[in-house]
Amino acid sequence: MTQSGKSPEGQVADAVKDNWVDRHAPEASRPYLRLSRADRPIGTWLLYIPCIWGILLAALQTGDFQSWDLWLIVSCGAGAWLMRGAGCTWNDITDRKFDAQVARTRSR
């Protein structure tokens, strides 16, 4: 670890090493994907699964699954990924002074 709290590879302390972002993402996009916590997708799933559930329940109620329902599922997935990333980014911006005092979040 360096004095700034970041490891030499640019990883943050509370992230799993050798994740898909570090292995497959283009070098230029890695800081942004780490900032949005794309390497830790549980928050995205927690936003996305209720969306899928609601769409499928509505399709079940009407009795047919249409192409519009598939479009809603895909767009809700993109929205969940983007909103989770935006929320993590906003949290890091607003809590930067507090996070600097906590060992686990100091390197974000």
C-alpha atoms as a PDB file:
ATOM      1  CA  MET A   1       0.000   0.000   0.000  1.00  0.00           C
ATOM      2  CA  THR A   2       1.115   3.516  -0.702  1.00  0.00           C
ATOM      3  CA  GLN A   3       0.579   6.552   1.514  1.00  0.00           C
ATOM      4  CA  SER A   4      -2.587   7.407  -0.399  1.00  0.00           C
ATOM      5  CA  GLY A   5      -4.043   4.047   0.634  1.00  0.00           C
ATOM      6  CA  LYS A   6      -4.213   2.655  -2.895  1.00  0.00           C
ATOM      7  CA  SER A   7      -2.416  -0.468  -3.923  1.00  0.00           C
ATOM      8  CA  PRO A   8       0.108  -0.134  -6.764  1.00  0.00           C
ATOM      9  CA  GLU A   9      -2.373  -1.693  -9.218  1.00  0.00           C
ATOM     10  CA  GLY A  10      -4.978   0.979  -8.430  1.00  0.00           C
ATOM     11  CA  GLN A  11      -7.280  -1.414  -6.579  1.00  0.00           C
ATOM     12  CA  VAL A  12      -9.197  -0.374  -3.525  1.00  0.00           C
ATOM     13  CA  ALA A  13      -8.676  -2.173  -0.232  1.00  0.00           C
ATOM     14  CA  ASP A  14     -12.192  -3.602   0.101  1.00  0.00           C
ATOM     15  CA  ALA A  15     -12.431  -5.006  -3.459  1.00  0.00           C
ATOM     16  CA  VAL A  16     -11.748  -8.594  -4.423  1.00  0.00           C
ATOM     17  CA  LYS A  17      -8.440  -8.897  -6.254  1.00  0.00           C
ATOM     18  CA  ASP A  18      -8.336 -10.237  -9.834  1.00  0.00           C
ATOM     19  CA  ASN A  19     -12.026  -9.571 -10.560  1.00  0.00           C
ATOM     20  CA  TRP A  20     -13.531  -9.187 -14.040  1.00  0.00           C
ATOM     21  CA  VAL A  21     -12.792  -5.448 -14.120  1.00  0.00           C
ATOM     22  CA  ASP A  22      -9.085  -6.073 -13.548  1.00  0.00           C
ATOM     23  CA  ARG A  23      -8.934  -8.964 -16.006  1.00  0.00           C
ATOM     24  CA  HIS A  24     -11.166  -7.908 -18.908  1.00  0.00           C
ATOM     25  CA  ALA A  25     -12.086  -4.225 -18.830  1.00  0.00           C
ATOM     26  CA  PRO A  26     -10.094  -1.775 -20.946  1.00  0.00           C
ATOM     27  CA  GLU A  27      -7.416   0.010 -18.925  1.00  0.00           C
ATOM     28  CA  ALA A  28      -9.007   3.445 -19.404  1.00  0.00           C
ATOM     29  CA  SER A  29     -12.393   2.322 -18.053  1.00  0.00           C
ATOM     30  CA  ARG A  30     -11.146   0.529 -14.918  1.00  0.00           C
ATOM     31  CA  PRO A  31     -11.140   3.538 -12.556  1.00  0.00           C
ATOM     32  CA  TYR A  32     -14.740   4.368 -13.510  1.00  0.00           C
ATOM     33  CA  LEU A  33     -15.903   0.768 -13.188  1.00  0.00           C
ATOM     34  CA  ARG A  34     -14.246   0.549  -9.770  1.00  0.00           C
ATOM     35  CA  LEU A  35     -15.850   3.837  -8.732  1.00  0.00           C
ATOM     36  CA  SER A  36     -19.283   2.522  -9.714  1.00  0.00           C
ATOM     37  CA  ARG A  37     -18.553  -0.821  -7.950  1.00  0.00           C
ATOM     38  CA  ALA A  38     -19.164  -2.762 -11.182  1.00  0.00           C
ATOM     39  CA  ASP A  39     -16.844  -5.450  -9.832  1.00  0.00           C
ATOM     40  CA  ARG A  40     -19.291  -6.068  -6.959  1.00  0.00           C
ATOM     41  CA  PRO A  41     -22.726  -6.530  -8.568  1.00  0.00           C
ATOM     42  CA  ILE A  42     -24.911  -7.383  -5.558  1.00  0.00           C
ATOM     43  CA  GLY A  43     -26.334  -3.855  -5.351  1.00  0.00           C
ATOM     44  CA  THR A  44     -27.325  -4.006  -9.002  1.00  0.00           C
ATOM     45  CA  TRP A  45     -29.067  -7.346  -8.475  1.00  0.00           C
ATOM     46  CA  LEU A  46     -30.945  -5.946  -5.482  1.00  0.00           C
ATOM     47  CA  LEU A  47     -32.324  -3.201  -7.730  1.00  0.00           C
ATOM     48  CA  TYR A  48     -32.910  -5.396 -10.783  1.00  0.00           C
ATOM     49  CA  ILE A  49     -34.614  -8.486  -9.345  1.00  0.00           C
ATOM     50  CA  PRO A  50     -37.740  -6.621  -8.087  1.00  0.00           C
ATOM     51  CA  CYS A  51     -38.050  -5.043 -11.551  1.00  0.00           C
ATOM     52  CA  ILE A  52     -37.986  -8.436 -13.257  1.00  0.00           C
ATOM     53  CA  TRP A  53     -40.398  -9.814 -10.701  1.00  0.00           C
ATOM     54  CA  GLY A  54     -42.897  -7.000 -11.275  1.00  0.00           C
ATOM     55  CA  ILE A  55     -42.703  -7.295 -15.066  1.00  0.00           C
ATOM     56  CA  LEU A  56     -43.174 -11.065 -14.981  1.00  0.00           C
ATOM     57  CA  LEU A  57     -46.085 -10.790 -12.541  1.00  0.00           C
ATOM     58  CA  ALA A  58     -47.761  -8.257 -14.840  1.00  0.00           C
ATOM     59  CA  ALA A  59     -47.189 -10.517 -17.866  1.00  0.00           C
ATOM     60  CA  LEU A  60     -48.610 -13.441 -15.909  1.00  0.00           C
ATOM     61  CA  GLN A  61     -51.687 -11.413 -15.000  1.00  0.00           C
ATOM     62  CA  THR A  62     -52.397 -10.510 -18.632  1.00  0.00           C
ATOM     63  CA  GLY A  63     -51.662 -14.038 -19.802  1.00  0.00           C
ATOM     64  CA  ASP A  64     -49.080 -13.272 -22.462  1.00  0.00           C
ATOM     65  CA  PHE A  65     -45.458 -12.218 -22.622  1.00  0.00           C
ATOM     66  CA  GLN A  66     -44.862  -9.642 -25.356  1.00  0.00           C
ATOM     67  CA  SER A  67     -41.740  -8.163 -26.909  1.00  0.00           C
ATOM     68  CA  TRP A  68     -42.436  -4.982 -24.922  1.00  0.00           C
ATOM     69  CA  ASP A  69     -41.926  -6.987 -21.721  1.00  0.00           C
ATOM     70  CA  LEU A  70     -38.504  -8.091 -22.933  1.00  0.00           C
ATOM     71  CA  TRP A  71     -37.644  -4.473 -23.716  1.00  0.00           C
ATOM     72  CA  LEU A  72     -38.673  -3.491 -20.177  1.00  0.00           C
ATOM     73  CA  ILE A  73     -36.505  -6.236 -18.664  1.00  0.00           C
ATOM     74  CA  VAL A  74     -33.442  -5.124 -20.663  1.00  0.00           C
ATOM     75  CA  SER A  75     -33.981  -1.417 -19.977  1.00  0.00           C
ATOM     76  CA  CYS A  76     -34.551  -2.041 -16.258  1.00  0.00           C
ATOM     77  CA  GLY A  77     -31.276  -3.989 -16.199  1.00  0.00           C
ATOM     78  CA  ALA A  78     -29.417  -1.085 -17.775  1.00  0.00           C
ATOM     79  CA  GLY A  79     -31.146   1.348 -15.427  1.00  0.00           C
ATOM     80  CA  ALA A  80     -30.315  -0.725 -12.345  1.00  0.00           C
ATOM     81  CA  TRP A  81     -26.647  -0.909 -13.369  1.00  0.00           C
ATOM     82  CA  LEU A  82     -26.448   2.824 -14.098  1.00  0.00           C
ATOM     83  CA  MET A  83     -28.348   3.943 -10.989  1.00  0.00           C
ATOM     84  CA  ARG A  84     -26.318   1.675  -8.698  1.00  0.00           C
ATOM     85  CA  GLY A  85     -23.131   3.129 -10.211  1.00  0.00           C
ATOM     86  CA  ALA A  86     -24.434   6.662  -9.808  1.00  0.00           C
ATOM     87  CA  GLY A  87     -25.414   5.984  -6.202  1.00  0.00           C
ATOM     88  CA  CYS A  88     -21.986   4.569  -5.340  1.00  0.00           C
ATOM     89  CA  THR A  89     -20.287   7.529  -7.018  1.00  0.00           C
ATOM     90  CA  TRP A  90     -22.481  10.024  -5.170  1.00  0.00           C
ATOM     91  CA  ASN A  91     -21.817   8.236  -1.883  1.00  0.00           C
ATOM     92  CA  ASP A  92     -18.059   8.449  -2.438  1.00  0.00           C
ATOM     93  CA  ILE A  93     -18.291  12.151  -3.259  1.00  0.00           C
ATOM     94  CA  THR A  94     -20.427  13.099  -0.272  1.00  0.00           C
ATOM     95  CA  ASP A  95     -18.621  10.850   2.236  1.00  0.00           C
ATOM     96  CA  ARG A  96     -15.046  11.511   1.090  1.00  0.00           C
ATOM     97  CA  LYS A  97     -13.999  13.139   4.378  1.00  0.00           C
ATOM     98  CA  PHE A  98     -15.563  10.375   6.464  1.00  0.00           C
ATOM     99  CA  ASP A  99     -14.271   7.576   4.208  1.00  0.00           C
ATOM    100  CA  ALA A 100     -10.729   8.936   4.536  1.00  0.00           C
ATOM    101  CA  GLN A 101     -10.880   8.194   8.273  1.00  0.00           C
ATOM    102  CA  VAL A 102     -12.004   4.543   7.888  1.00  0.00           C
ATOM    103  CA  ALA A 103      -9.356   1.946   7.000  1.00  0.00           C
ATOM    104  CA  ARG A 104     -11.669  -0.123   4.776  1.00  0.00           C
ATOM    105  CA  THR A 105     -12.800   2.826   2.642  1.00  0.00           C
ATOM    106  CA  ARG A 106      -9.687   5.027   2.728  1.00  0.00           C
ATOM    107  CA  SER A 107      -8.466   3.896  -0.706  1.00  0.00           C
ATOM    108  CA  ARG A 108     -11.667   4.658  -2.616  1.00  0.00           C
END
